[in-house]
């Protein structure tokens, strides 16, 4: 083989290897970026879960408070109703 042929083949092989290395480096970078993105998504999901659990707890507390208020109003209405009936009974007697 001539020296120029060997140099040409060597140069072509060098270009092929350089392209392969650049592509594999890009692939490795894209894998790293994807891994980092998945980690961020996982952290975000975890924080969203915590936020949603807190919100659910607040809503349950509000629900309990509203149930208590409804019960209190119902008892007041019963007391007012009984007071009204007793007043009418006293008026009828008196």
C-alpha atoms as a PDB file:
ATOM      1  CA  UNK A   1       0.000   0.000   0.000  1.00  0.00           C
ATOM      2  CA  UNK A   2       1.061   3.473  -0.713  1.00  0.00           C
ATOM      3  CA  UNK A   3       1.584   5.957   2.049  1.00  0.00           C
ATOM      4  CA  UNK A   4      -1.149   8.211   0.667  1.00  0.00           C
ATOM      5  CA  UNK A   5      -3.657   5.315   0.724  1.00  0.00           C
ATOM      6  CA  UNK A   6      -2.752   4.478   4.320  1.00  0.00           C
ATOM      7  CA  UNK A   7      -3.084   8.139   5.269  1.00  0.00           C
ATOM      8  CA  UNK A   8      -6.455   8.402   3.509  1.00  0.00           C
ATOM      9  CA  UNK A   9      -7.769   5.253   5.202  1.00  0.00           C
ATOM     10  CA  UNK A  10      -6.416   6.451   8.561  1.00  0.00           C
ATOM     11  CA  UNK A  11      -8.045   9.854   8.071  1.00  0.00           C
ATOM     12  CA  UNK A  12     -11.391   8.264   7.141  1.00  0.00           C
ATOM     13  CA  UNK A  13     -11.197   5.965  10.180  1.00  0.00           C
ATOM     14  CA  UNK A  14     -10.332   8.981  12.339  1.00  0.00           C
ATOM     15  CA  UNK A  15     -13.397  10.831  11.016  1.00  0.00           C
ATOM     16  CA  UNK A  16     -15.609   7.787  11.642  1.00  0.00           C
ATOM     17  CA  UNK A  17     -14.272   7.392  15.186  1.00  0.00           C
ATOM     18  CA  UNK A  18     -14.635  11.125  15.875  1.00  0.00           C
ATOM     19  CA  UNK A  19     -18.239  11.029  14.660  1.00  0.00           C
ATOM     20  CA  UNK A  20     -18.976   7.956  16.776  1.00  0.00           C
ATOM     21  CA  UNK A  21     -17.428   9.573  19.848  1.00  0.00           C
ATOM     22  CA  UNK A  22     -19.352  12.802  19.306  1.00  0.00           C
ATOM     23  CA  UNK A  23     -22.603  10.873  18.833  1.00  0.00           C
ATOM     24  CA  UNK A  24     -22.008   8.710  21.899  1.00  0.00           C
ATOM     25  CA  UNK A  25     -21.152  11.814  23.942  1.00  0.00           C
ATOM     26  CA  UNK A  26     -24.377  13.456  22.776  1.00  0.00           C
ATOM     27  CA  UNK A  27     -26.278  10.298  23.609  1.00  0.00           C
ATOM     28  CA  UNK A  28     -24.709  10.190  27.070  1.00  0.00           C
ATOM     29  CA  UNK A  29     -25.601  13.856  27.593  1.00  0.00           C
ATOM     30  CA  UNK A  30     -29.182  13.233  26.501  1.00  0.00           C
ATOM     31  CA  UNK A  31     -29.396  10.271  28.900  1.00  0.00           C
ATOM     32  CA  UNK A  32     -28.038  12.422  31.716  1.00  0.00           C
ATOM     33  CA  UNK A  33     -30.494  15.190  30.886  1.00  0.00           C
ATOM     34  CA  UNK A  34     -33.365  12.686  30.794  1.00  0.00           C
ATOM     35  CA  UNK A  35     -32.274  11.206  34.141  1.00  0.00           C
ATOM     36  CA  UNK A  36     -32.134  14.682  35.682  1.00  0.00           C
ATOM     37  CA  UNK A  37     -35.559  15.473  34.233  1.00  0.00           C
ATOM     38  CA  UNK A  38     -36.990  12.275  35.728  1.00  0.00           C
ATOM     39  CA  UNK A  39     -35.476  13.155  39.119  1.00  0.00           C
ATOM     40  CA  UNK A  40     -37.061  16.620  38.960  1.00  0.00           C
ATOM     41  CA  UNK A  41     -40.404  15.102  37.970  1.00  0.00           C
ATOM     42  CA  UNK A  42     -40.203  12.642  40.858  1.00  0.00           C
ATOM     43  CA  UNK A  43     -39.429  15.435  43.348  1.00  0.00           C
ATOM     44  CA  UNK A  44     -42.260  17.538  41.919  1.00  0.00           C
ATOM     45  CA  UNK A  45     -44.694  14.625  42.210  1.00  0.00           C
ATOM     46  CA  UNK A  46     -43.617  14.072  45.806  1.00  0.00           C
ATOM     47  CA  UNK A  47     -44.074  17.751  46.667  1.00  0.00           C
ATOM     48  CA  UNK A  48     -47.408  17.783  44.815  1.00  0.00           C
ATOM     49  CA  UNK A  49     -48.468  14.764  46.858  1.00  0.00           C
ATOM     50  CA  UNK A  50     -47.544  16.516  50.107  1.00  0.00           C
ATOM     51  CA  UNK A  51     -49.354  19.665  48.976  1.00  0.00           C
ATOM     52  CA  UNK A  52     -52.463  17.686  48.013  1.00  0.00           C
ATOM     53  CA  UNK A  53     -52.464  15.777  51.318  1.00  0.00           C
ATOM     54  CA  UNK A  54     -52.281  19.083  53.211  1.00  0.00           C
ATOM     55  CA  UNK A  55     -55.076  20.521  51.093  1.00  0.00           C
ATOM     56  CA  UNK A  56     -57.198  17.413  51.704  1.00  0.00           C
ATOM     57  CA  UNK A  57     -56.588  17.706  55.439  1.00  0.00           C
ATOM     58  CA  UNK A  58     -57.654  21.381  55.374  1.00  0.00           C
ATOM     59  CA  UNK A  59     -60.784  20.475  53.418  1.00  0.00           C
ATOM     60  CA  UNK A  60     -61.648  17.711  55.885  1.00  0.00           C
ATOM     61  CA  UNK A  61     -61.181  20.143  58.771  1.00  0.00           C
ATOM     62  CA  UNK A  62     -63.450  22.661  57.027  1.00  0.00           C
ATOM     63  CA  UNK A  63     -66.015  19.922  56.435  1.00  0.00           C
ATOM     64  CA  UNK A  64     -65.962  18.976  60.128  1.00  0.00           C
ATOM     65  CA  UNK A  65     -66.311  22.642  61.107  1.00  0.00           C
ATOM     66  CA  UNK A  66     -69.286  23.074  58.770  1.00  0.00           C
ATOM     67  CA  UNK A  67     -70.917  19.910  60.119  1.00  0.00           C
ATOM     68  CA  UNK A  68     -70.445  21.253  63.646  1.00  0.00           C
ATOM     69  CA  UNK A  69     -72.000  24.591  62.678  1.00  0.00           C
ATOM     70  CA  UNK A  70     -74.959  22.881  60.976  1.00  0.00           C
ATOM     71  CA  UNK A  71     -75.495  20.757  64.065  1.00  0.00           C
ATOM     72  CA  UNK A  72     -75.284  23.855  66.265  1.00  0.00           C
ATOM     73  CA  UNK A  73     -77.807  25.699  64.074  1.00  0.00           C
ATOM     74  CA  UNK A  74     -80.092  22.691  64.081  1.00  0.00           C
ATOM     75  CA  UNK A  75     -79.961  22.550  67.884  1.00  0.00           C
ATOM     76  CA  UNK A  76     -80.642  26.299  68.060  1.00  0.00           C
ATOM     77  CA  UNK A  77     -83.606  25.941  65.737  1.00  0.00           C
ATOM     78  CA  UNK A  78     -84.943  23.098  67.884  1.00  0.00           C
ATOM     79  CA  UNK A  79     -84.502  25.216  71.002  1.00  0.00           C
ATOM     80  CA  UNK A  80     -86.197  28.201  69.348  1.00  0.00           C
ATOM     81  CA  UNK A  81     -89.020  25.969  68.158  1.00  0.00           C
ATOM     82  CA  UNK A  82     -89.500  24.446  71.616  1.00  0.00           C
ATOM     83  CA  UNK A  83     -89.392  27.901  73.177  1.00  0.00           C
ATOM     84  CA  UNK A  84     -92.043  29.081  70.743  1.00  0.00           C
ATOM     85  CA  UNK A  85     -94.289  26.084  71.502  1.00  0.00           C
ATOM     86  CA  UNK A  86     -93.872  26.577  75.257  1.00  0.00           C
ATOM     87  CA  UNK A  87     -94.745  30.262  74.836  1.00  0.00           C
ATOM     88  CA  UNK A  88     -97.898  29.342  72.966  1.00  0.00           C
ATOM     89  CA  UNK A  89     -98.839  26.784  75.646  1.00  0.00           C
ATOM     90  CA  UNK A  90     -98.368  29.384  78.422  1.00  0.00           C
ATOM     91  CA  UNK A  91    -100.474  31.862  76.442  1.00  0.00           C
ATOM     92  CA  UNK A  92    -103.247  29.295  76.074  1.00  0.00           C
ATOM     93  CA  UNK A  93    -103.195  28.509  79.806  1.00  0.00           C
ATOM     94  CA  UNK A  94    -102.961  32.043  80.956  1.00  0.00           C
END
